[in-house]
PDB file of N, CA and C in Angstrom:
ATOM      1  N   UNK A   1      -8.747 -41.738  36.633  1.00  0.00           N
ATOM      2  CA  UNK A   1      -9.282 -40.453  37.703  1.00  0.00           C
ATOM      3  C   UNK A   1     -10.201 -41.423  38.045  1.00  0.00           C
ATOM      4  N   UNK A   2     -10.511 -40.756  39.232  1.00  0.00           N
ATOM      5  CA  UNK A   2     -11.688 -40.519  40.297  1.00  0.00           C
ATOM      6  C   UNK A   2     -12.689 -40.053  40.215  1.00  0.00           C
ATOM      7  N   UNK A   3     -13.904 -40.646  40.834  1.00  0.00           N
ATOM      8  CA  UNK A   3     -15.298 -39.683  40.714  1.00  0.00           C
ATOM      9  C   UNK A   3     -14.993 -38.673  41.343  1.00  0.00           C
ATOM     10  N   UNK A   4     -14.090 -38.389  42.580  1.00  0.00           N
ATOM     11  CA  UNK A   4     -14.167 -37.018  43.537  1.00  0.00           C
ATOM     12  C   UNK A   4     -13.161 -36.153  42.574  1.00  0.00           C
ATOM     13  N   UNK A   5     -12.540 -36.622  41.270  1.00  0.00           N
ATOM     14  CA  UNK A   5     -11.202 -35.807  41.063  1.00  0.00           C
ATOM     15  C   UNK A   5     -11.841 -34.648  40.249  1.00  0.00           C
ATOM     16  N   UNK A   6     -11.469 -33.444  39.838  1.00  0.00           N
ATOM     17  CA  UNK A   6     -11.479 -32.224  38.691  1.00  0.00           C
ATOM     18  C   UNK A   6     -10.935 -32.343  37.377  1.00  0.00           C
ATOM     19  N   UNK A   7     -11.857 -32.746  36.790  1.00  0.00           N
ATOM     20  CA  UNK A   7     -10.862 -32.638  35.535  1.00  0.00           C
ATOM     21  C   UNK A   7     -10.513 -31.330  34.924  1.00  0.00           C
ATOM     22  N   UNK A   8      -9.235 -30.901  34.336  1.00  0.00           N
ATOM     23  CA  UNK A   8      -8.736 -29.618  34.173  1.00  0.00           C
ATOM     24  C   UNK A   8      -9.247 -29.538  32.168  1.00  0.00           C
ATOM     25  N   UNK A   9      -9.342 -28.616  32.261  1.00  0.00           N
ATOM     26  CA  UNK A   9     -10.279 -28.411  30.520  1.00  0.00           C
ATOM     27  C   UNK A   9      -9.524 -27.115  30.625  1.00  0.00           C
ATOM     28  N   UNK A  10      -8.746 -27.131  29.384  1.00  0.00           N
ATOM     29  CA  UNK A  10      -7.601 -26.293  28.715  1.00  0.00           C
ATOM     30  C   UNK A  10      -7.402 -25.488  27.271  1.00  0.00           C
ATOM     31  N   UNK A  11      -8.018 -24.426  26.856  1.00  0.00           N
ATOM     32  CA  UNK A  11      -8.342 -23.870  25.324  1.00  0.00           C
ATOM     33  C   UNK A  11      -6.709 -22.942  25.282  1.00  0.00           C
ATOM     34  N   UNK A  12      -6.131 -22.825  24.327  1.00  0.00           N
ATOM     35  CA  UNK A  12      -5.596 -21.860  23.884  1.00  0.00           C
ATOM     36  C   UNK A  12      -6.114 -21.416  23.512  1.00  0.00           C
ATOM     37  N   UNK A  13      -5.276 -19.699  23.525  1.00  0.00           N
ATOM     38  CA  UNK A  13      -5.233 -18.337  23.650  1.00  0.00           C
ATOM     39  C   UNK A  13      -5.861 -17.988  22.326  1.00  0.00           C
ATOM     40  N   UNK A  14      -4.644 -18.588  21.124  1.00  0.00           N
ATOM     41  CA  UNK A  14      -5.289 -18.504  19.968  1.00  0.00           C
ATOM     42  C   UNK A  14      -6.993 -18.734  19.513  1.00  0.00           C
ATOM     43  N   UNK A  15      -7.498 -19.997  20.062  1.00  0.00           N
ATOM     44  CA  UNK A  15      -9.099 -20.592  20.103  1.00  0.00           C
ATOM     45  C   UNK A  15      -9.874 -19.368  20.510  1.00  0.00           C
ATOM     46  N   UNK A  16      -9.493 -18.780  21.698  1.00  0.00           N
ATOM     47  CA  UNK A  16     -10.272 -18.206  22.345  1.00  0.00           C
ATOM     48  C   UNK A  16     -10.599 -16.471  21.134  1.00  0.00           C
ATOM     49  N   UNK A  17      -9.080 -16.013  20.618  1.00  0.00           N
ATOM     50  CA  UNK A  17      -9.673 -15.094  19.910  1.00  0.00           C
ATOM     51  C   UNK A  17     -10.552 -15.689  18.456  1.00  0.00           C
ATOM     52  N   UNK A  18     -10.461 -16.471  17.750  1.00  0.00           N
ATOM     53  CA  UNK A  18     -10.514 -17.369  16.990  1.00  0.00           C
ATOM     54  C   UNK A  18     -12.516 -17.158  17.295  1.00  0.00           C
ATOM     55  N   UNK A  19     -12.739 -17.818  18.481  1.00  0.00           N
ATOM     56  CA  UNK A  19     -14.203 -17.848  18.629  1.00  0.00           C
ATOM     57  C   UNK A  19     -14.882 -16.462  18.488  1.00  0.00           C
ATOM     58  N   UNK A  20     -14.054 -15.630  19.097  1.00  0.00           N
ATOM     59  CA  UNK A  20     -14.760 -14.542  19.700  1.00  0.00           C
ATOM     60  C   UNK A  20     -15.109 -13.639  18.086  1.00  0.00           C
ATOM     61  N   UNK A  21     -14.075 -13.827  17.370  1.00  0.00           N
ATOM     62  CA  UNK A  21     -14.253 -13.311  15.847  1.00  0.00           C
ATOM     63  C   UNK A  21     -14.907 -13.903  15.455  1.00  0.00           C
ATOM     64  N   UNK A  22     -15.212 -14.718  15.345  1.00  0.00           N
ATOM     65  CA  UNK A  22     -16.110 -15.993  14.419  1.00  0.00           C
ATOM     66  C   UNK A  22     -17.767 -15.590  14.918  1.00  0.00           C
ATOM     67  N   UNK A  23     -17.645 -15.464  16.345  1.00  0.00           N
ATOM     68  CA  UNK A  23     -19.038 -15.058  16.807  1.00  0.00           C
ATOM     69  C   UNK A  23     -19.754 -13.807  16.869  1.00  0.00           C
ATOM     70  N   UNK A  24     -18.732 -12.857  16.120  1.00  0.00           N
ATOM     71  CA  UNK A  24     -19.202 -11.470  16.231  1.00  0.00           C
ATOM     72  C   UNK A  24     -19.643 -11.240  14.709  1.00  0.00           C
ATOM     73  N   UNK A  25     -19.178 -12.134  13.772  1.00  0.00           N
ATOM     74  CA  UNK A  25     -18.985 -12.020  12.475  1.00  0.00           C
ATOM     75  C   UNK A  25     -20.031 -12.707  11.690  1.00  0.00           C
ATOM     76  N   UNK A  26     -20.721 -14.047  12.561  1.00  0.00           N
ATOM     77  CA  UNK A  26     -21.598 -14.384  12.398  1.00  0.00           C
ATOM     78  C   UNK A  26     -23.044 -13.675  13.014  1.00  0.00           C
ATOM     79  N   UNK A  27     -22.577 -12.928  14.151  1.00  0.00           N
ATOM     80  CA  UNK A  27     -23.993 -12.307  14.890  1.00  0.00           C
ATOM     81  C   UNK A  27     -24.281 -10.594  13.780  1.00  0.00           C
ATOM     82  N   UNK A  28     -23.352 -10.339  13.088  1.00  0.00           N
ATOM     83  CA  UNK A  28     -23.359  -9.060  12.217  1.00  0.00           C
ATOM     84  C   UNK A  28     -24.279  -9.484  10.813  1.00  0.00           C
ATOM     85  N   UNK A  29     -23.813 -11.018  10.465  1.00  0.00           N
ATOM     86  CA  UNK A  29     -24.495 -11.888   9.035  1.00  0.00           C
ATOM     87  C   UNK A  29     -25.836 -11.710   9.391  1.00  0.00           C
ATOM     88  N   UNK A  30     -26.298 -12.420  10.565  1.00  0.00           N
ATOM     89  CA  UNK A  30     -27.779 -12.432  11.129  1.00  0.00           C
ATOM     90  C   UNK A  30     -28.018 -11.543  11.388  1.00  0.00           C
ATOM     91  N   UNK A  31     -28.085 -10.252  11.838  1.00  0.00           N
ATOM     92  CA  UNK A  31     -29.022  -8.907  12.365  1.00  0.00           C
ATOM     93  C   UNK A  31     -28.714  -8.396  10.520  1.00  0.00           C
ATOM     94  N   UNK A  32     -27.695  -8.705   9.359  1.00  0.00           N
ATOM     95  CA  UNK A  32     -28.031  -7.744   8.400  1.00  0.00           C
ATOM     96  C   UNK A  32     -29.186  -8.581   7.674  1.00  0.00           C
ATOM     97  N   UNK A  33     -29.229  -9.531   8.172  1.00  0.00           N
ATOM     98  CA  UNK A  33     -30.188 -10.212   6.729  1.00  0.00           C
ATOM     99  C   UNK A  33     -31.714 -10.358   7.527  1.00  0.00           C
ATOM    100  N   UNK A  34     -31.751 -10.044   9.150  1.00  0.00           N
ATOM    101  CA  UNK A  34     -33.107  -9.751   9.599  1.00  0.00           C
ATOM    102  C   UNK A  34     -33.603 -10.771  10.460  1.00  0.00           C
ATOM    103  N   UNK A  35     -32.706 -10.892  10.992  1.00  0.00           N
ATOM    104  CA  UNK A  35     -32.768 -13.002  11.985  1.00  0.00           C
ATOM    105  C   UNK A  35     -32.577 -11.919  13.420  1.00  0.00           C
ATOM    106  N   UNK A  36     -32.909 -12.685  13.916  1.00  0.00           N
ATOM    107  CA  UNK A  36     -32.775 -12.268  15.810  1.00  0.00           C
ATOM    108  C   UNK A  36     -31.431 -13.530  16.142  1.00  0.00           C
ATOM    109  N   UNK A  37     -29.966 -12.354  15.744  1.00  0.00           N
ATOM    110  CA  UNK A  37     -28.608 -13.285  16.204  1.00  0.00           C
ATOM    111  C   UNK A  37     -28.525 -14.200  17.242  1.00  0.00           C
ATOM    112  N   UNK A  38     -28.740 -13.761  18.423  1.00  0.00           N
ATOM    113  CA  UNK A  38     -28.825 -14.367  19.542  1.00  0.00           C
ATOM    114  C   UNK A  38     -30.056 -15.536  19.495  1.00  0.00           C
ATOM    115  N   UNK A  39     -30.689 -15.865  19.019  1.00  0.00           N
ATOM    116  CA  UNK A  39     -31.990 -17.095  18.626  1.00  0.00           C
ATOM    117  C   UNK A  39     -31.046 -18.040  17.870  1.00  0.00           C
ATOM    118  N   UNK A  40     -30.620 -17.700  16.807  1.00  0.00           N
ATOM    119  CA  UNK A  40     -30.001 -17.865  15.520  1.00  0.00           C
ATOM    120  C   UNK A  40     -29.042 -19.172  15.781  1.00  0.00           C
ATOM    121  N   UNK A  41     -27.761 -18.181  16.893  1.00  0.00           N
ATOM    122  CA  UNK A  41     -26.889 -19.323  17.176  1.00  0.00           C
ATOM    123  C   UNK A  41     -27.247 -19.916  18.570  1.00  0.00           C
ATOM    124  N   UNK A  42     -28.368 -19.759  19.010  1.00  0.00           N
ATOM    125  CA  UNK A  42     -28.295 -20.691  20.302  1.00  0.00           C
ATOM    126  C   UNK A  42     -29.050 -21.534  19.741  1.00  0.00           C
ATOM    127  N   UNK A  43     -29.820 -21.556  18.344  1.00  0.00           N
ATOM    128  CA  UNK A  43     -30.051 -23.106  18.007  1.00  0.00           C
ATOM    129  C   UNK A  43     -29.464 -23.684  17.377  1.00  0.00           C
ATOM    130  N   UNK A  44     -28.518 -23.091  16.861  1.00  0.00           N
ATOM    131  CA  UNK A  44     -27.417 -24.201  16.102  1.00  0.00           C
ATOM    132  C   UNK A  44     -26.687 -24.711  17.050  1.00  0.00           C
ATOM    133  N   UNK A  45     -26.380 -24.168  18.061  1.00  0.00           N
ATOM    134  CA  UNK A  45     -25.548 -24.632  19.289  1.00  0.00           C
ATOM    135  C   UNK A  45     -26.159 -25.702  19.869  1.00  0.00           C
ATOM    136  N   UNK A  46     -27.472 -25.317  20.242  1.00  0.00           N
ATOM    137  CA  UNK A  46     -28.126 -26.382  21.061  1.00  0.00           C
ATOM    138  C   UNK A  46     -28.659 -27.968  19.554  1.00  0.00           C
ATOM    139  N   UNK A  47     -28.691 -27.379  18.940  1.00  0.00           N
ATOM    140  CA  UNK A  47     -28.813 -28.458  17.512  1.00  0.00           C
ATOM    141  C   UNK A  47     -28.191 -29.116  17.030  1.00  0.00           C
ATOM    142  N   UNK A  48     -27.100 -28.020  16.232  1.00  0.00           N
ATOM    143  CA  UNK A  48     -26.012 -28.390  15.479  1.00  0.00           C
ATOM    144  C   UNK A  48     -25.837 -28.549  14.099  1.00  0.00           C
ATOM    145  N   UNK A  49     -27.182 -28.108  14.107  1.00  0.00           N
ATOM    146  CA  UNK A  49     -27.956 -27.818  12.187  1.00  0.00           C
ATOM    147  C   UNK A  49     -27.215 -26.468  12.133  1.00  0.00           C
ATOM    148  N   UNK A  50     -26.613 -26.974  10.880  1.00  0.00           N
ATOM    149  CA  UNK A  50     -26.371 -25.191  10.429  1.00  0.00           C
ATOM    150  C   UNK A  50     -27.135 -24.975   9.672  1.00  0.00           C
ATOM    151  N   UNK A  51     -28.192 -24.610   9.369  1.00  0.00           N
ATOM    152  CA  UNK A  51     -29.385 -24.482   8.811  1.00  0.00           C
ATOM    153  C   UNK A  51     -29.784 -23.111   9.718  1.00  0.00           C
ATOM    154  N   UNK A  52     -29.542 -22.997  10.945  1.00  0.00           N
ATOM    155  CA  UNK A  52     -29.875 -21.836  11.977  1.00  0.00           C
ATOM    156  C   UNK A  52     -29.122 -20.723  11.584  1.00  0.00           C
ATOM    157  N   UNK A  53     -27.840 -20.549  10.221  1.00  0.00           N
ATOM    158  CA  UNK A  53     -27.203 -19.557  10.315  1.00  0.00           C
ATOM    159  C   UNK A  53     -27.204 -19.266   8.706  1.00  0.00           C
ATOM    160  N   UNK A  54     -27.461 -18.151   8.506  1.00  0.00           N
ATOM    161  CA  UNK A  54     -27.221 -17.359   6.972  1.00  0.00           C
ATOM    162  C   UNK A  54     -26.274 -18.176   6.344  1.00  0.00           C
ATOM    163  N   UNK A  55     -26.287 -18.122   4.949  1.00  0.00           N
ATOM    164  CA  UNK A  55     -25.069 -18.220   4.129  1.00  0.00           C
ATOM    165  C   UNK A  55     -24.355 -17.001   4.093  1.00  0.00           C
ATOM    166  N   UNK A  56     -24.981 -16.029   4.097  1.00  0.00           N
ATOM    167  CA  UNK A  56     -25.138 -14.449   3.791  1.00  0.00           C
ATOM    168  C   UNK A  56     -23.593 -14.337   4.594  1.00  0.00           C
ATOM    169  N   UNK A  57     -22.665 -13.372   3.708  1.00  0.00           N
ATOM    170  CA  UNK A  57     -21.261 -12.794   4.443  1.00  0.00           C
ATOM    171  C   UNK A  57     -20.331 -14.537   4.890  1.00  0.00           C
ATOM    172  N   UNK A  58     -20.967 -15.490   4.033  1.00  0.00           N
ATOM    173  CA  UNK A  58     -20.219 -17.352   4.166  1.00  0.00           C
ATOM    174  C   UNK A  58     -20.435 -17.312   5.465  1.00  0.00           C
ATOM    175  N   UNK A  59     -21.403 -16.674   6.551  1.00  0.00           N
ATOM    176  CA  UNK A  59     -21.408 -17.503   7.914  1.00  0.00           C
ATOM    177  C   UNK A  59     -21.214 -18.292   8.755  1.00  0.00           C
ATOM    178  N   UNK A  60     -22.318 -19.332   7.495  1.00  0.00           N
ATOM    179  CA  UNK A  60     -22.227 -20.627   7.845  1.00  0.00           C
ATOM    180  C   UNK A  60     -21.253 -21.672   7.645  1.00  0.00           C
ATOM    181  N   UNK A  61     -20.163 -21.573   7.134  1.00  0.00           N
ATOM    182  CA  UNK A  61     -18.960 -21.732   6.911  1.00  0.00           C
ATOM    183  C   UNK A  61     -17.902 -21.779   7.596  1.00  0.00           C
ATOM    184  N   UNK A  62     -18.155 -20.337   8.246  1.00  0.00           N
ATOM    185  CA  UNK A  62     -17.262 -19.520   9.252  1.00  0.00           C
ATOM    186  C   UNK A  62     -17.746 -20.283  10.764  1.00  0.00           C
ATOM    187  N   UNK A  63     -18.801 -20.099  10.960  1.00  0.00           N
ATOM    188  CA  UNK A  63     -19.323 -20.704  12.219  1.00  0.00           C
ATOM    189  C   UNK A  63     -18.613 -22.189  12.374  1.00  0.00           C
ATOM    190  N   UNK A  64     -18.852 -23.065  11.204  1.00  0.00           N
ATOM    191  CA  UNK A  64     -18.187 -24.410  11.531  1.00  0.00           C
ATOM    192  C   UNK A  64     -16.883 -24.606  11.638  1.00  0.00           C
ATOM    193  N   UNK A  65     -16.242 -23.761  11.686  1.00  0.00           N
ATOM    194  CA  UNK A  65     -14.810 -23.660  11.739  1.00  0.00           C
ATOM    195  C   UNK A  65     -14.346 -24.730  13.210  1.00  0.00           C
ATOM    196  N   UNK A  66     -15.345 -23.769  14.036  1.00  0.00           N
ATOM    197  CA  UNK A  66     -15.108 -24.291  15.336  1.00  0.00           C
ATOM    198  C   UNK A  66     -16.137 -25.555  15.805  1.00  0.00           C
ATOM    199  N   UNK A  67     -15.945 -26.205  16.867  1.00  0.00           N
ATOM    200  CA  UNK A  67     -16.990 -26.845  17.508  1.00  0.00           C
ATOM    201  C   UNK A  67     -17.917 -26.101  18.661  1.00  0.00           C
ATOM    202  N   UNK A  68     -18.775 -26.555  18.405  1.00  0.00           N
ATOM    203  CA  UNK A  68     -19.829 -25.647  19.392  1.00  0.00           C
ATOM    204  C   UNK A  68     -19.384 -25.645  20.536  1.00  0.00           C
ATOM    205  N   UNK A  69     -18.507 -26.833  21.122  1.00  0.00           N
ATOM    206  CA  UNK A  69     -18.261 -26.281  22.203  1.00  0.00           C
ATOM    207  C   UNK A  69     -17.522 -25.233  22.992  1.00  0.00           C
ATOM    208  N   UNK A  70     -16.256 -25.394  22.031  1.00  0.00           N
ATOM    209  CA  UNK A  70     -15.662 -24.374  21.808  1.00  0.00           C
ATOM    210  C   UNK A  70     -16.593 -22.892  21.636  1.00  0.00           C
ATOM    211  N   UNK A  71     -17.447 -22.782  20.972  1.00  0.00           N
ATOM    212  CA  UNK A  71     -18.616 -21.399  20.955  1.00  0.00           C
ATOM    213  C   UNK A  71     -18.804 -21.151  22.312  1.00  0.00           C
ATOM    214  N   UNK A  72     -19.660 -22.245  22.866  1.00  0.00           N
ATOM    215  CA  UNK A  72     -20.102 -22.255  24.278  1.00  0.00           C
ATOM    216  C   UNK A  72     -18.915 -21.493  25.409  1.00  0.00           C
ATOM    217  N   UNK A  73     -17.910 -22.040  25.200  1.00  0.00           N
ATOM    218  CA  UNK A  73     -16.628 -21.716  26.458  1.00  0.00           C
ATOM    219  C   UNK A  73     -16.873 -20.209  26.079  1.00  0.00           C
ATOM    220  N   UNK A  74     -16.516 -19.517  24.618  1.00  0.00           N
ATOM    221  CA  UNK A  74     -16.327 -18.550  24.401  1.00  0.00           C
ATOM    222  C   UNK A  74     -17.129 -17.565  24.928  1.00  0.00           C
ATOM    223  N   UNK A  75     -18.377 -17.984  24.981  1.00  0.00           N
ATOM    224  CA  UNK A  75     -19.713 -16.964  25.366  1.00  0.00           C
ATOM    225  C   UNK A  75     -19.534 -17.026  26.619  1.00  0.00           C
ATOM    226  N   UNK A  76     -19.505 -18.039  27.392  1.00  0.00           N
ATOM    227  CA  UNK A  76     -19.007 -18.308  28.519  1.00  0.00           C
ATOM    228  C   UNK A  76     -18.431 -17.401  29.494  1.00  0.00           C
ATOM    229  N   UNK A  77     -16.894 -17.219  28.831  1.00  0.00           N
ATOM    230  CA  UNK A  77     -15.830 -16.241  29.499  1.00  0.00           C
ATOM    231  C   UNK A  77     -16.544 -15.082  29.314  1.00  0.00           C
ATOM    232  N   UNK A  78     -16.511 -14.722  28.028  1.00  0.00           N
ATOM    233  CA  UNK A  78     -17.233 -13.386  27.493  1.00  0.00           C
ATOM    234  C   UNK A  78     -18.242 -12.987  29.200  1.00  0.00           C
ATOM    235  N   UNK A  79     -19.700 -13.579  28.901  1.00  0.00           N
ATOM    236  CA  UNK A  79     -20.267 -13.140  29.767  1.00  0.00           C
ATOM    237  C   UNK A  79     -19.625 -12.798  31.294  1.00  0.00           C
ATOM    238  N   UNK A  80     -19.015 -14.032  31.767  1.00  0.00           N
ATOM    239  CA  UNK A  80     -18.539 -13.952  33.314  1.00  0.00           C
ATOM    240  C   UNK A  80     -17.625 -13.082  33.782  1.00  0.00           C
ATOM    241  N   UNK A  81     -17.161 -12.730  32.336  1.00  0.00           N
ATOM    242  CA  UNK A  81     -15.493 -11.291  32.473  1.00  0.00           C
ATOM    243  C   UNK A  81     -16.508 -10.515  32.444  1.00  0.00           C
ATOM    244  N   UNK A  82     -17.278 -10.093  31.637  1.00  0.00           N
ATOM    245  CA  UNK A  82     -18.228  -8.664  32.067  1.00  0.00           C
ATOM    246  C   UNK A  82     -19.353  -8.457  33.481  1.00  0.00           C
ATOM    247  N   UNK A  83     -19.305  -9.854  34.270  1.00  0.00           N
ATOM    248  CA  UNK A  83     -19.680  -9.311  35.195  1.00  0.00           C
ATOM    249  C   UNK A  83     -18.949  -9.059  36.474  1.00  0.00           C
ATOM    250  N   UNK A  84     -17.696  -9.098  36.504  1.00  0.00           N
ATOM    251  CA  UNK A  84     -16.937  -9.068  37.380  1.00  0.00           C
ATOM    252  C   UNK A  84     -16.854  -7.082  37.904  1.00  0.00           C
TER     253      UNK A  84
END
């Protein structure tokens, strides 16, 4: 691929739904434990350190089912769709 060409990135619809469900599940678990869910999820995504996510309701294991880039993609998709 040449420097002036754009590379295509495509994610399966199944992964999109899974990412959305995971984010909402983890968000709820963090909120129930009294954490700021947005700050904790951002900390996890930026650092890759799973200790930003509580073990409550198995949230730490759940969020690790997907790669961090898949979570970022879903967050961006959701945000941009809401802006239209």
